[in-house]
C-alpha atoms as a PDB file:
ATOM      1  CA  MET A   1      -1.709  11.966 -26.062  1.00  0.00           C
ATOM      2  CA  ALA A   2      -2.657   9.323 -23.822  1.00  0.00           C
ATOM      3  CA  PHE A   3      -6.246  10.100 -23.438  1.00  0.00           C
ATOM      4  CA  GLU A   4      -6.051  11.727 -26.942  1.00  0.00           C
ATOM      5  CA  ILE A   5      -5.030   8.079 -28.115  1.00  0.00           C
ATOM      6  CA  ALA A   6      -7.715   6.254 -26.245  1.00  0.00           C
ATOM      7  CA  ALA A   7     -10.702   8.469 -27.310  1.00  0.00           C
ATOM      8  CA  LEU A   8      -9.693   8.250 -31.436  1.00  0.00           C
ATOM      9  CA  ALA A   9      -8.957   4.484 -30.875  1.00  0.00           C
ATOM     10  CA  MET A  10     -12.759   3.790 -29.407  1.00  0.00           C
ATOM     11  CA  VAL A  11     -14.257   5.852 -31.874  1.00  0.00           C
ATOM     12  CA  ILE A  12     -12.408   3.891 -35.153  1.00  0.00           C
ATOM     13  CA  GLU A  13     -12.774   0.550 -33.361  1.00  0.00           C
ATOM     14  CA  LEU A  14     -16.791   1.410 -32.790  1.00  0.00           C
ATOM     15  CA  LEU A  15     -17.023   2.293 -36.523  1.00  0.00           C
ATOM     16  CA  VAL A  16     -14.961  -0.180 -38.451  1.00  0.00           C
ATOM     17  CA  GLY A  17     -13.893  -3.130 -35.686  1.00  0.00           C
ATOM     18  CA  TYR A  18     -11.162  -5.299 -37.170  1.00  0.00           C
ATOM     19  CA  PRO A  19     -11.894  -6.186 -40.638  1.00  0.00           C
ATOM     20  CA  ASP A  20     -11.945  -9.930 -41.273  1.00  0.00           C
ATOM     21  CA  TRP A  21      -9.982  -9.707 -44.372  1.00  0.00           C
ATOM     22  CA  LEU A  22      -6.983  -8.087 -42.325  1.00  0.00           C
ATOM     23  CA  VAL A  23      -7.469 -11.182 -39.759  1.00  0.00           C
ATOM     24  CA  ARG A  24      -7.335 -13.612 -43.009  1.00  0.00           C
ATOM     25  CA  ARG A  25      -4.139 -11.617 -44.167  1.00  0.00           C
ATOM     26  CA  ILE A  26      -1.958 -10.848 -41.065  1.00  0.00           C
ATOM     27  CA  GLY A  27      -3.896 -12.052 -38.009  1.00  0.00           C
ATOM     28  CA  HIS A  28      -4.641  -9.987 -34.978  1.00  0.00           C
ATOM     29  CA  PRO A  29      -2.448  -8.618 -32.231  1.00  0.00           C
ATOM     30  CA  VAL A  30      -3.942 -10.918 -30.024  1.00  0.00           C
ATOM     31  CA  MET A  31      -3.286 -13.875 -32.127  1.00  0.00           C
ATOM     32  CA  TRP A  32       0.314 -12.774 -32.300  1.00  0.00           C
ATOM     33  CA  ILE A  33       0.508 -12.620 -28.374  1.00  0.00           C
ATOM     34  CA  GLY A  34      -1.010 -15.789 -28.081  1.00  0.00           C
ATOM     35  CA  ARG A  35       1.449 -17.483 -30.321  1.00  0.00           C
ATOM     36  CA  LEU A  36       4.407 -16.473 -28.193  1.00  0.00           C
ATOM     37  CA  ILE A  37       2.802 -17.508 -24.902  1.00  0.00           C
ATOM     38  CA  GLY A  38       2.115 -20.869 -26.662  1.00  0.00           C
ATOM     39  CA  LEU A  39       5.737 -21.022 -27.931  1.00  0.00           C
ATOM     40  CA  LEU A  40       6.752 -19.981 -24.120  1.00  0.00           C
ATOM     41  CA  ASP A  41       4.516 -22.793 -22.590  1.00  0.00           C
ATOM     42  CA  ARG A  42       6.043 -25.350 -24.844  1.00  0.00           C
ATOM     43  CA  ALA A  43       9.798 -24.351 -24.104  1.00  0.00           C
ATOM     44  CA  LEU A  44       9.746 -23.685 -20.485  1.00  0.00           C
ATOM     45  CA  ASN A  45       6.576 -25.507 -18.787  1.00  0.00           C
ATOM     46  CA  SER A  46       7.801 -28.972 -18.175  1.00  0.00           C
ATOM     47  CA  GLU A  47       5.567 -31.151 -16.407  1.00  0.00           C
ATOM     48  CA  SER A  48       8.451 -33.372 -14.998  1.00  0.00           C
ATOM     49  CA  LEU A  49       9.883 -30.076 -13.365  1.00  0.00           C
ATOM     50  CA  PRO A  50       9.341 -29.269  -9.590  1.00  0.00           C
ATOM     51  CA  GLU A  51       6.406 -27.009  -8.848  1.00  0.00           C
ATOM     52  CA  GLU A  52       8.428 -24.312  -7.544  1.00  0.00           C
ATOM     53  CA  ARG A  53      10.780 -23.987 -10.711  1.00  0.00           C
ATOM     54  CA  ARG A  54       7.369 -24.127 -12.774  1.00  0.00           C
ATOM     55  CA  ARG A  55       6.243 -20.981 -10.879  1.00  0.00           C
ATOM     56  CA  LYS A  56       9.376 -19.277 -11.481  1.00  0.00           C
ATOM     57  CA  ARG A  57       9.727 -20.061 -15.341  1.00  0.00           C
ATOM     58  CA  GLY A  58       5.992 -18.504 -15.245  1.00  0.00           C
ATOM     59  CA  VAL A  59       7.151 -15.234 -13.966  1.00  0.00           C
ATOM     60  CA  VAL A  60       9.832 -15.185 -16.545  1.00  0.00           C
ATOM     61  CA  ALA A  61       7.304 -16.134 -19.264  1.00  0.00           C
ATOM     62  CA  ILE A  62       4.770 -13.708 -18.373  1.00  0.00           C
ATOM     63  CA  GLY A  63       7.454 -10.705 -17.988  1.00  0.00           C
ATOM     64  CA  PHE A  64       9.092 -11.702 -21.350  1.00  0.00           C
ATOM     65  CA  VAL A  65       5.533 -11.692 -22.894  1.00  0.00           C
ATOM     66  CA  VAL A  66       4.591  -8.167 -21.347  1.00  0.00           C
ATOM     67  CA  LEU A  67       8.078  -6.683 -22.435  1.00  0.00           C
ATOM     68  CA  ALA A  68       7.677  -8.122 -25.988  1.00  0.00           C
ATOM     69  CA  ALA A  69       3.989  -6.380 -26.502  1.00  0.00           C
ATOM     70  CA  ALA A  70       5.053  -3.224 -24.695  1.00  0.00           C
ATOM     71  CA  LEU A  71       8.341  -2.147 -25.883  1.00  0.00           C
ATOM     72  CA  PRO A  72       7.576  -2.067 -29.356  1.00  0.00           C
ATOM     73  CA  ALA A  73       4.228  -0.085 -28.496  1.00  0.00           C
ATOM     74  CA  LEU A  74       6.523   2.467 -26.627  1.00  0.00           C
ATOM     75  CA  LEU A  75       9.176   2.925 -29.260  1.00  0.00           C
ATOM     76  CA  LEU A  76       6.167   3.407 -31.783  1.00  0.00           C
ATOM     77  CA  GLN A  77       4.569   6.007 -29.575  1.00  0.00           C
ATOM     78  CA  LEU A  78       7.829   8.187 -28.899  1.00  0.00           C
ATOM     79  CA  ALA A  79       8.604   8.138 -32.749  1.00  0.00           C
ATOM     80  CA  LEU A  80       4.721   8.931 -33.740  1.00  0.00           C
ATOM     81  CA  ALA A  81       3.930  11.422 -30.784  1.00  0.00           C
ATOM     82  CA  GLY A  82       3.821  15.295 -31.651  1.00  0.00           C
ATOM     83  CA  SER A  83       1.838  14.981 -34.934  1.00  0.00           C
ATOM     84  CA  ALA A  84      -1.810  14.596 -35.913  1.00  0.00           C
ATOM     85  CA  LEU A  85      -0.798  11.910 -38.514  1.00  0.00           C
ATOM     86  CA  GLY A  86       1.095  10.163 -35.607  1.00  0.00           C
ATOM     87  CA  LEU A  87      -2.094  10.350 -33.309  1.00  0.00           C
ATOM     88  CA  LEU A  88      -4.067   8.829 -35.912  1.00  0.00           C
ATOM     89  CA  LEU A  89      -1.459   6.178 -36.509  1.00  0.00           C
ATOM     90  CA  LEU A  90      -1.093   5.380 -32.836  1.00  0.00           C
ATOM     91  CA  ALA A  91      -5.124   5.192 -32.166  1.00  0.00           C
ATOM     92  CA  LEU A  92      -5.552   3.079 -35.293  1.00  0.00           C
ATOM     93  CA  MET A  93      -3.121   0.655 -33.814  1.00  0.00           C
ATOM     94  CA  GLY A  94      -4.576   0.841 -30.379  1.00  0.00           C
ATOM     95  CA  SER A  95      -8.182   0.564 -31.706  1.00  0.00           C
ATOM     96  CA  THR A  96      -6.830  -3.177 -32.660  1.00  0.00           C
ATOM     97  CA  LEU A  97      -6.773  -3.920 -28.781  1.00  0.00           C
ATOM     98  CA  ILE A  98     -10.464  -2.924 -28.089  1.00  0.00           C
ATOM     99  CA  ALA A  99     -13.284  -5.157 -28.457  1.00  0.00           C
ATOM    100  CA  GLN A 100     -16.341  -2.875 -28.427  1.00  0.00           C
ATOM    101  CA  ARG A 101     -17.964  -3.570 -31.883  1.00  0.00           C
ATOM    102  CA  SER A 102     -16.866  -7.442 -32.020  1.00  0.00           C
ATOM    103  CA  LEU A 103     -18.186  -7.911 -28.568  1.00  0.00           C
ATOM    104  CA  HIS A 104     -21.527  -6.755 -29.689  1.00  0.00           C
ATOM    105  CA  GLN A 105     -21.546  -8.691 -32.861  1.00  0.00           C
ATOM    106  CA  HIS A 106     -20.808 -11.895 -31.050  1.00  0.00           C
ATOM    107  CA  VAL A 107     -23.711 -11.584 -28.430  1.00  0.00           C
ATOM    108  CA  GLU A 108     -26.327 -10.360 -31.280  1.00  0.00           C
ATOM    109  CA  ARG A 109     -25.379 -13.741 -33.079  1.00  0.00           C
ATOM    110  CA  VAL A 110     -26.851 -15.544 -29.862  1.00  0.00           C
ATOM    111  CA  ALA A 111     -29.751 -13.260 -29.697  1.00  0.00           C
ATOM    112  CA  GLU A 112     -30.700 -13.643 -33.283  1.00  0.00           C
ATOM    113  CA  ALA A 113     -30.131 -17.778 -32.897  1.00  0.00           C
ATOM    114  CA  LEU A 114     -32.534 -17.764 -29.983  1.00  0.00           C
ATOM    115  CA  GLU A 115     -35.210 -15.703 -31.598  1.00  0.00           C
ATOM    116  CA  GLY A 116     -35.280 -18.169 -34.292  1.00  0.00           C
ATOM    117  CA  GLY A 117     -35.611 -20.960 -32.129  1.00  0.00           C
ATOM    118  CA  ASP A 118     -32.411 -22.947 -33.444  1.00  0.00           C
ATOM    119  CA  LEU A 119     -30.728 -24.018 -29.774  1.00  0.00           C
ATOM    120  CA  ALA A 120     -28.060 -25.539 -31.601  1.00  0.00           C
ATOM    121  CA  GLN A 121     -26.983 -22.641 -33.694  1.00  0.00           C
ATOM    122  CA  ALA A 122     -27.248 -20.461 -30.332  1.00  0.00           C
ATOM    123  CA  ARG A 123     -24.971 -23.095 -28.566  1.00  0.00           C
ATOM    124  CA  SER A 124     -22.629 -22.631 -31.401  1.00  0.00           C
ATOM    125  CA  ALA A 125     -22.583 -18.805 -31.399  1.00  0.00           C
ATOM    126  CA  VAL A 126     -22.217 -18.599 -27.628  1.00  0.00           C
ATOM    127  CA  SER A 127     -19.314 -21.205 -27.467  1.00  0.00           C
ATOM    128  CA  HIS A 128     -17.265 -18.518 -29.165  1.00  0.00           C
ATOM    129  CA  ILE A 129     -17.557 -16.013 -25.828  1.00  0.00           C
ATOM    130  CA  VAL A 130     -17.963 -18.693 -23.036  1.00  0.00           C
ATOM    131  CA  GLY A 131     -15.266 -21.094 -21.594  1.00  0.00           C
ATOM    132  CA  ARG A 132     -17.980 -23.488 -20.554  1.00  0.00           C
ATOM    133  CA  ASP A 133     -19.568 -26.640 -22.295  1.00  0.00           C
ATOM    134  CA  PRO A 134     -22.555 -25.130 -24.394  1.00  0.00           C
ATOM    135  CA  GLN A 135     -23.965 -28.699 -24.898  1.00  0.00           C
ATOM    136  CA  THR A 136     -24.944 -28.536 -21.238  1.00  0.00           C
ATOM    137  CA  LEU A 137     -27.123 -25.195 -21.657  1.00  0.00           C
ATOM    138  CA  ASP A 138     -30.625 -24.910 -22.320  1.00  0.00           C
ATOM    139  CA  ALA A 139     -32.098 -21.986 -23.973  1.00  0.00           C
ATOM    140  CA  HIS A 140     -32.312 -20.085 -20.948  1.00  0.00           C
ATOM    141  CA  GLY A 141     -28.686 -20.999 -20.146  1.00  0.00           C
ATOM    142  CA  VAL A 142     -27.330 -19.994 -23.372  1.00  0.00           C
ATOM    143  CA  ALA A 143     -29.126 -16.496 -22.681  1.00  0.00           C
ATOM    144  CA  ARG A 144     -27.511 -16.403 -19.297  1.00  0.00           C
ATOM    145  CA  ALA A 145     -24.063 -17.140 -20.644  1.00  0.00           C
ATOM    146  CA  ALA A 146     -24.372 -14.711 -23.432  1.00  0.00           C
ATOM    147  CA  ILE A 147     -25.282 -11.985 -20.826  1.00  0.00           C
ATOM    148  CA  GLU A 148     -22.720 -12.969 -18.305  1.00  0.00           C
ATOM    149  CA  SER A 149     -20.140 -12.825 -21.087  1.00  0.00           C
ATOM    150  CA  LEU A 150     -21.451  -9.554 -22.256  1.00  0.00           C
ATOM    151  CA  ALA A 151     -21.084  -8.079 -18.630  1.00  0.00           C
ATOM    152  CA  GLU A 152     -17.466  -9.498 -17.999  1.00  0.00           C
ATOM    153  CA  ASN A 153     -16.024  -9.081 -21.441  1.00  0.00           C
ATOM    154  CA  PHE A 154     -17.073  -5.333 -21.264  1.00  0.00           C
ATOM    155  CA  SER A 155     -14.751  -5.053 -18.334  1.00  0.00           C
ATOM    156  CA  ASP A 156     -11.765  -6.957 -19.624  1.00  0.00           C
ATOM    157  CA  GLY A 157     -12.164  -6.251 -23.547  1.00  0.00           C
ATOM    158  CA  VAL A 158     -13.341  -2.670 -23.602  1.00  0.00           C
ATOM    159  CA  VAL A 159     -13.009  -1.041 -20.332  1.00  0.00           C
ATOM    160  CA  ALA A 160      -9.650  -2.144 -18.992  1.00  0.00           C
ATOM    161  CA  PRO A 161      -7.571  -1.792 -22.089  1.00  0.00           C
ATOM    162  CA  VAL A 162      -9.155   1.657 -22.601  1.00  0.00           C
ATOM    163  CA  VAL A 163      -8.413   2.647 -19.187  1.00  0.00           C
ATOM    164  CA  TRP A 164      -4.832   0.972 -19.442  1.00  0.00           C
ATOM    165  CA  MET A 165      -4.492   3.138 -22.797  1.00  0.00           C
ATOM    166  CA  ALA A 166      -5.689   6.347 -21.200  1.00  0.00           C
ATOM    167  CA  ALA A 167      -3.153   5.745 -18.206  1.00  0.00           C
ATOM    168  CA  ALA A 168      -0.133   4.821 -20.444  1.00  0.00           C
ATOM    169  CA  GLY A 169      -0.925   5.406 -24.097  1.00  0.00           C
ATOM    170  CA  LEU A 170      -0.486   2.124 -26.537  1.00  0.00           C
ATOM    171  CA  PRO A 171       2.468   0.624 -24.190  1.00  0.00           C
ATOM    172  CA  GLY A 172      -0.376   0.312 -21.489  1.00  0.00           C
ATOM    173  CA  ALA A 173      -3.224  -1.322 -23.439  1.00  0.00           C
ATOM    174  CA  ALA A 174      -0.506  -3.468 -25.177  1.00  0.00           C
ATOM    175  CA  ALA A 175       0.648  -4.367 -21.746  1.00  0.00           C
ATOM    176  CA  TYR A 176      -2.616  -5.218 -20.383  1.00  0.00           C
ATOM    177  CA  LYS A 177      -3.474  -7.338 -23.585  1.00  0.00           C
ATOM    178  CA  ALA A 178      -0.700  -9.539 -23.105  1.00  0.00           C
ATOM    179  CA  ILE A 179      -1.399 -10.233 -19.667  1.00  0.00           C
ATOM    180  CA  ASN A 180      -5.207 -10.731 -20.192  1.00  0.00           C
ATOM    181  CA  THR A 181      -4.274 -13.115 -22.991  1.00  0.00           C
ATOM    182  CA  ALA A 182      -1.750 -15.042 -21.282  1.00  0.00           C
ATOM    183  CA  ASP A 183      -4.409 -15.653 -18.444  1.00  0.00           C
ATOM    184  CA  SER A 184      -6.687 -16.718 -20.722  1.00  0.00           C
ATOM    185  CA  MET A 185      -4.427 -19.269 -21.994  1.00  0.00           C
ATOM    186  CA  ILE A 186      -1.990 -20.897 -19.185  1.00  0.00           C
ATOM    187  CA  GLY A 187      -3.571 -19.105 -15.825  1.00  0.00           C
ATOM    188  CA  HIS A 188      -6.184 -21.828 -15.097  1.00  0.00           C
ATOM    189  CA  LEU A 189      -6.141 -24.509 -12.144  1.00  0.00           C
ATOM    190  CA  THR A 190      -4.963 -27.450 -14.115  1.00  0.00           C
ATOM    191  CA  PRO A 191      -2.235 -29.728 -13.443  1.00  0.00           C
ATOM    192  CA  ARG A 192      -0.238 -28.062 -16.378  1.00  0.00           C
ATOM    193  CA  HIS A 193      -0.573 -24.546 -15.776  1.00  0.00           C
ATOM    194  CA  SER A 194      -1.605 -24.198 -11.992  1.00  0.00           C
ATOM    195  CA  ALA A 195       2.071 -23.550 -11.321  1.00  0.00           C
ATOM    196  CA  PHE A 196       3.099 -21.977 -14.485  1.00  0.00           C
ATOM    197  CA  GLY A 197       0.147 -19.930 -15.218  1.00  0.00           C
ATOM    198  CA  ARG A 198       0.014 -18.649 -11.680  1.00  0.00           C
ATOM    199  CA  ALA A 199       2.002 -15.318 -12.187  1.00  0.00           C
ATOM    200  CA  ALA A 200      -0.109 -14.620 -15.140  1.00  0.00           C
ATOM    201  CA  ALA A 201      -3.660 -15.106 -13.044  1.00  0.00           C
ATOM    202  CA  ARG A 202      -2.494 -12.914 -10.332  1.00  0.00           C
ATOM    203  CA  LEU A 203      -0.980 -10.309 -12.531  1.00  0.00           C
ATOM    204  CA  ASP A 204      -4.281 -10.287 -14.531  1.00  0.00           C
ATOM    205  CA  ASP A 205      -6.360 -10.111 -11.363  1.00  0.00           C
ATOM    206  CA  ALA A 206      -4.515  -7.034 -10.274  1.00  0.00           C
ATOM    207  CA  VAL A 207      -4.561  -5.078 -13.699  1.00  0.00           C
ATOM    208  CA  ASN A 208      -8.254  -5.616 -14.224  1.00  0.00           C
ATOM    209  CA  MET A 209      -9.313  -4.664 -10.808  1.00  0.00           C
ATOM    210  CA  PRO A 210      -9.554  -0.849 -11.718  1.00  0.00           C
ATOM    211  CA  ALA A 211     -11.374  -1.612 -14.982  1.00  0.00           C
ATOM    212  CA  SER A 212     -13.914  -3.992 -13.066  1.00  0.00           C
ATOM    213  CA  ARG A 213     -15.263  -1.609 -10.616  1.00  0.00           C
ATOM    214  CA  LEU A 214     -15.748   1.162 -13.083  1.00  0.00           C
ATOM    215  CA  SER A 215     -17.513  -1.137 -15.415  1.00  0.00           C
ATOM    216  CA  GLY A 216     -19.930  -2.027 -12.942  1.00  0.00           C
ATOM    217  CA  TRP A 217     -20.665   1.681 -12.287  1.00  0.00           C
ATOM    218  CA  LEU A 218     -21.278   2.436 -15.614  1.00  0.00           C
ATOM    219  CA  LEU A 219     -23.476  -0.239 -16.052  1.00  0.00           C
ATOM    220  CA  VAL A 220     -25.141   1.299 -12.918  1.00  0.00           C
ATOM    221  CA  GLY A 221     -25.035   4.544 -14.892  1.00  0.00           C
ATOM    222  CA  ALA A 222     -26.460   2.958 -17.817  1.00  0.00           C
ATOM    223  CA  ALA A 223     -29.260   1.493 -16.125  1.00  0.00           C
ATOM    224  CA  ALA A 224     -30.506   4.642 -14.992  1.00  0.00           C
ATOM    225  CA  LEU A 225     -30.893   6.098 -18.630  1.00  0.00           C
ATOM    226  CA  MET A 226     -32.470   2.832 -19.798  1.00  0.00           C
ATOM    227  CA  PRO A 227     -36.289   2.515 -19.425  1.00  0.00           C
ATOM    228  CA  GLY A 228     -36.975  -0.797 -17.629  1.00  0.00           C
ATOM    229  CA  ALA A 229     -33.704  -1.399 -16.305  1.00  0.00           C
ATOM    230  CA  SER A 230     -33.162  -0.469 -12.447  1.00  0.00           C
ATOM    231  CA  ALA A 231     -29.675   1.142 -11.544  1.00  0.00           C
ATOM    232  CA  GLY A 232     -30.788   0.872  -7.602  1.00  0.00           C
ATOM    233  CA  LEU A 233     -31.056  -2.887  -8.072  1.00  0.00           C
ATOM    234  CA  ALA A 234     -27.779  -2.969 -10.270  1.00  0.00           C
ATOM    235  CA  THR A 235     -26.275  -1.016  -7.121  1.00  0.00           C
ATOM    236  CA  GLU A 236     -27.681  -3.330  -4.292  1.00  0.00           C
ATOM    237  CA  ALA A 237     -26.773  -6.492  -6.599  1.00  0.00           C
ATOM    238  CA  MET A 238     -22.991  -5.237  -7.236  1.00  0.00           C
ATOM    239  CA  ARG A 239     -22.832  -4.511  -3.844  1.00  0.00           C
ATOM    240  CA  ARG A 240     -24.012  -7.565  -2.331  1.00  0.00           C
ATOM    241  CA  ASP A 241     -22.786  -9.960  -4.707  1.00  0.00           C
ATOM    242  CA  ALA A 242     -19.612  -8.752  -6.466  1.00  0.00           C
ATOM    243  CA  LEU A 243     -17.222  -9.921  -3.825  1.00  0.00           C
ATOM    244  CA  ARG A 244     -18.930 -13.594  -3.755  1.00  0.00           C
ATOM    245  CA  HIS A 245     -18.034 -14.306  -7.103  1.00  0.00           C
ATOM    246  CA  ARG A 246     -14.874 -16.866  -7.664  1.00  0.00           C
ATOM    247  CA  SER A 247     -13.312 -14.120  -9.694  1.00  0.00           C
ATOM    248  CA  PRO A 248     -11.895 -10.996  -8.087  1.00  0.00           C
ATOM    249  CA  ASN A 249     -13.086  -8.804 -10.787  1.00  0.00           C
ATOM    250  CA  ALA A 250     -15.914 -10.652 -12.733  1.00  0.00           C
ATOM    251  CA  GLY A 251     -18.519 -10.278 -10.220  1.00  0.00           C
ATOM    252  CA  TRP A 252     -18.665  -6.398 -10.460  1.00  0.00           C
ATOM    253  CA  PRO A 253     -20.109  -5.948 -13.877  1.00  0.00           C
ATOM    254  CA  GLU A 254     -22.052  -9.344 -13.782  1.00  0.00           C
ATOM    255  CA  ALA A 255     -23.885  -8.320 -10.460  1.00  0.00           C
ATOM    256  CA  ALA A 256     -24.526  -4.773 -11.999  1.00  0.00           C
ATOM    257  CA  MET A 257     -25.840  -6.531 -15.170  1.00  0.00           C
ATOM    258  CA  ALA A 258     -28.272  -9.016 -13.508  1.00  0.00           C
ATOM    259  CA  GLY A 259     -29.355  -6.145 -10.878  1.00  0.00           C
ATOM    260  CA  ALA A 260     -30.424  -3.920 -13.477  1.00  0.00           C
ATOM    261  CA  LEU A 261     -32.200  -6.599 -15.665  1.00  0.00           C
ATOM    262  CA  GLY A 262     -33.995  -8.311 -12.686  1.00  0.00           C
ATOM    263  CA  LEU A 263     -31.978 -11.280 -13.445  1.00  0.00           C
ATOM    264  CA  LYS A 264     -30.049 -14.312 -11.370  1.00  0.00           C
ATOM    265  CA  LEU A 265     -26.674 -14.920 -13.046  1.00  0.00           C
ATOM    266  CA  ASN A 266     -23.645 -16.882 -12.844  1.00  0.00           C
ATOM    267  CA  GLY A 267     -24.468 -19.876 -10.357  1.00  0.00           C
ATOM    268  CA  PRO A 268     -23.459 -23.416 -11.057  1.00  0.00           C
ATOM    269  CA  LYS A 269     -21.917 -24.252 -14.345  1.00  0.00           C
ATOM    270  CA  VAL A 270     -19.915 -27.316 -16.235  1.00  0.00           C
ATOM    271  CA  TYR A 271     -16.557 -26.639 -17.517  1.00  0.00           C
ATOM    272  CA  ALA A 272     -14.869 -29.383 -19.573  1.00  0.00           C
ATOM    273  CA  GLY A 273     -17.397 -31.936 -18.164  1.00  0.00           C
ATOM    274  CA  VAL A 274     -16.534 -30.553 -14.703  1.00  0.00           C
ATOM    275  CA  PRO A 275     -19.452 -29.031 -12.532  1.00  0.00           C
ATOM    276  CA  THR A 276     -18.421 -26.161 -10.494  1.00  0.00           C
ATOM    277  CA  GLU A 277     -20.853 -24.506  -7.735  1.00  0.00           C
ATOM    278  CA  ASP A 278     -20.342 -20.293  -8.378  1.00  0.00           C
ATOM    279  CA  ALA A 279     -22.292 -17.871  -6.485  1.00  0.00           C
ATOM    280  CA  TYR A 280     -25.127 -16.326  -7.537  1.00  0.00           C
ATOM    281  CA  MET A 281     -25.255 -12.530  -8.777  1.00  0.00           C
ATOM    282  CA  GLY A 282     -28.401 -10.736  -8.523  1.00  0.00           C
ATOM    283  CA  ASP A 283     -31.677 -12.015  -7.241  1.00  0.00           C
ATOM    284  CA  GLY A 284     -34.088 -11.807 -10.286  1.00  0.00           C
ATOM    285  CA  ARG A 285     -35.455 -14.757 -12.310  1.00  0.00           C
ATOM    286  CA  ARG A 286     -33.324 -17.255 -14.022  1.00  0.00           C
ATOM    287  CA  GLU A 287     -35.536 -17.615 -16.897  1.00  0.00           C
ATOM    288  CA  ALA A 288     -33.682 -15.270 -19.250  1.00  0.00           C
ATOM    289  CA  GLY A 289     -34.486 -15.462 -23.061  1.00  0.00           C
ATOM    290  CA  ALA A 290     -33.765 -13.949 -26.353  1.00  0.00           C
ATOM    291  CA  ALA A 291     -35.479 -10.617 -25.187  1.00  0.00           C
ATOM    292  CA  ASP A 292     -33.124 -10.207 -22.103  1.00  0.00           C
ATOM    293  CA  VAL A 293     -30.063 -10.516 -24.257  1.00  0.00           C
ATOM    294  CA  ARG A 294     -31.442  -7.844 -26.449  1.00  0.00           C
ATOM    295  CA  ARG A 295     -31.981  -5.555 -23.179  1.00  0.00           C
ATOM    296  CA  ALA A 296     -28.311  -6.470 -21.927  1.00  0.00           C
ATOM    297  CA  LEU A 297     -26.843  -5.471 -25.270  1.00  0.00           C
ATOM    298  CA  ALA A 298     -29.073  -2.175 -24.931  1.00  0.00           C
ATOM    299  CA  LEU A 299     -27.672  -1.626 -21.659  1.00  0.00           C
ATOM    300  CA  TYR A 300     -23.891  -2.280 -22.991  1.00  0.00           C
ATOM    301  CA  ARG A 301     -24.384   0.177 -25.741  1.00  0.00           C
ATOM    302  CA  ARG A 302     -25.592   3.017 -23.249  1.00  0.00           C
ATOM    303  CA  ALA A 303     -22.671   1.976 -20.554  1.00  0.00           C
ATOM    304  CA  ASP A 304     -20.047   2.026 -23.819  1.00  0.00           C
ATOM    305  CA  GLY A 305     -21.553   5.362 -24.678  1.00  0.00           C
ATOM    306  CA  MET A 306     -20.846   6.781 -21.176  1.00  0.00           C
ATOM    307  CA  LEU A 307     -17.240   5.619 -21.301  1.00  0.00           C
ATOM    308  CA  ILE A 308     -16.596   7.050 -24.628  1.00  0.00           C
ATOM    309  CA  ALA A 309     -18.090  10.349 -23.218  1.00  0.00           C
ATOM    310  CA  LEU A 310     -15.769  10.085 -20.037  1.00  0.00           C
ATOM    311  CA  ILE A 311     -12.433   9.439 -22.160  1.00  0.00           C
ATOM    312  CA  LEU A 312     -13.295  12.328 -24.562  1.00  0.00           C
ATOM    313  CA  LEU A 313     -13.778  14.870 -21.435  1.00  0.00           C
ATOM    314  CA  GLY A 314     -10.333  13.294 -20.327  1.00  0.00           C
ATOM    315  CA  ALA A 315      -8.770  13.958 -23.824  1.00  0.00           C
ATOM    316  CA  ILE A 316     -10.269  17.637 -23.823  1.00  0.00           C
ATOM    317  CA  VAL A 317      -8.799  18.289 -20.297  1.00  0.00           C
ATOM    318  CA  GLN A 318      -5.464  16.704 -21.222  1.00  0.00           C
ATOM    319  CA  THR A 319      -5.515  18.933 -24.388  1.00  0.00           C
ATOM    320  CA  VAL A 320      -6.174  21.767 -22.471  1.00  0.00           C
ATOM    321  CA  LEU A 321      -3.580  21.601 -19.793  1.00  0.00           C
ATOM    322  CA  PHE A 322      -0.876  20.246 -22.161  1.00  0.00           C
ATOM    323  CA  SER A 323      -1.370  22.241 -25.169  1.00  0.00           C
END
């Protein structure tokens, strides 16, 4: 049922997303995972311990988080598999682990603020989807940050959970989401987390590898279908620049997005007041604006549509082979 769960989950999430009232009432699965990670961080990550011992505790922590997310999902899948209602319930739960709709909404808010000439609002909107300091960004920087985040989050917020759901059903997507959330919370090269979060960061790099490459090629394919975008330049930028990114995975969709839109993305940034010298993705213009954010969203919609089509095809093949 894995492909069927993934296909139906994508359609559900695209149509209805995760309602705000439900977040207010019970929270979101990522929030639940985050609370567990925070608890383990406080309980196990003592800065008085030697670095090697903190690394070992980090391995225990990420193992526990993955098990805590995947085991209930596995039990639910075993209990519900085999009926149309069970498939629907599993897909509903799976839809909470995908971010197609919410990602589009967050980036669209940045475009709307830039179109209205409200830089303060644009900075506030982009702060919800990037880790860098938005107060250091001008309007061009805000637009680039939104486009970069759209590309990267297409990979780890949409393609990756769908890939793992198609491969291993609800448990696969739950395990992936646990790893990705742990990386975002503790997988940093800070004095507190460089040792404790190392296992989470390395594991996140590994599980995102297939999706990052796929997301890049989906953006190339989307560029071929979009007037004014260049599939050739997207391919060239991805092959030339992807491995120059400091992330082993983010460079693939970012470089493809940059090439497709004729932009130069990534480059130097400021995180928590600390400047970084990151490699550029693409060799186009740096002067991005609201219109470029809109074009990036149009490219994203096409790439997401191609992903849905691929997963639906997989579901059809799976049904034919195993029915």
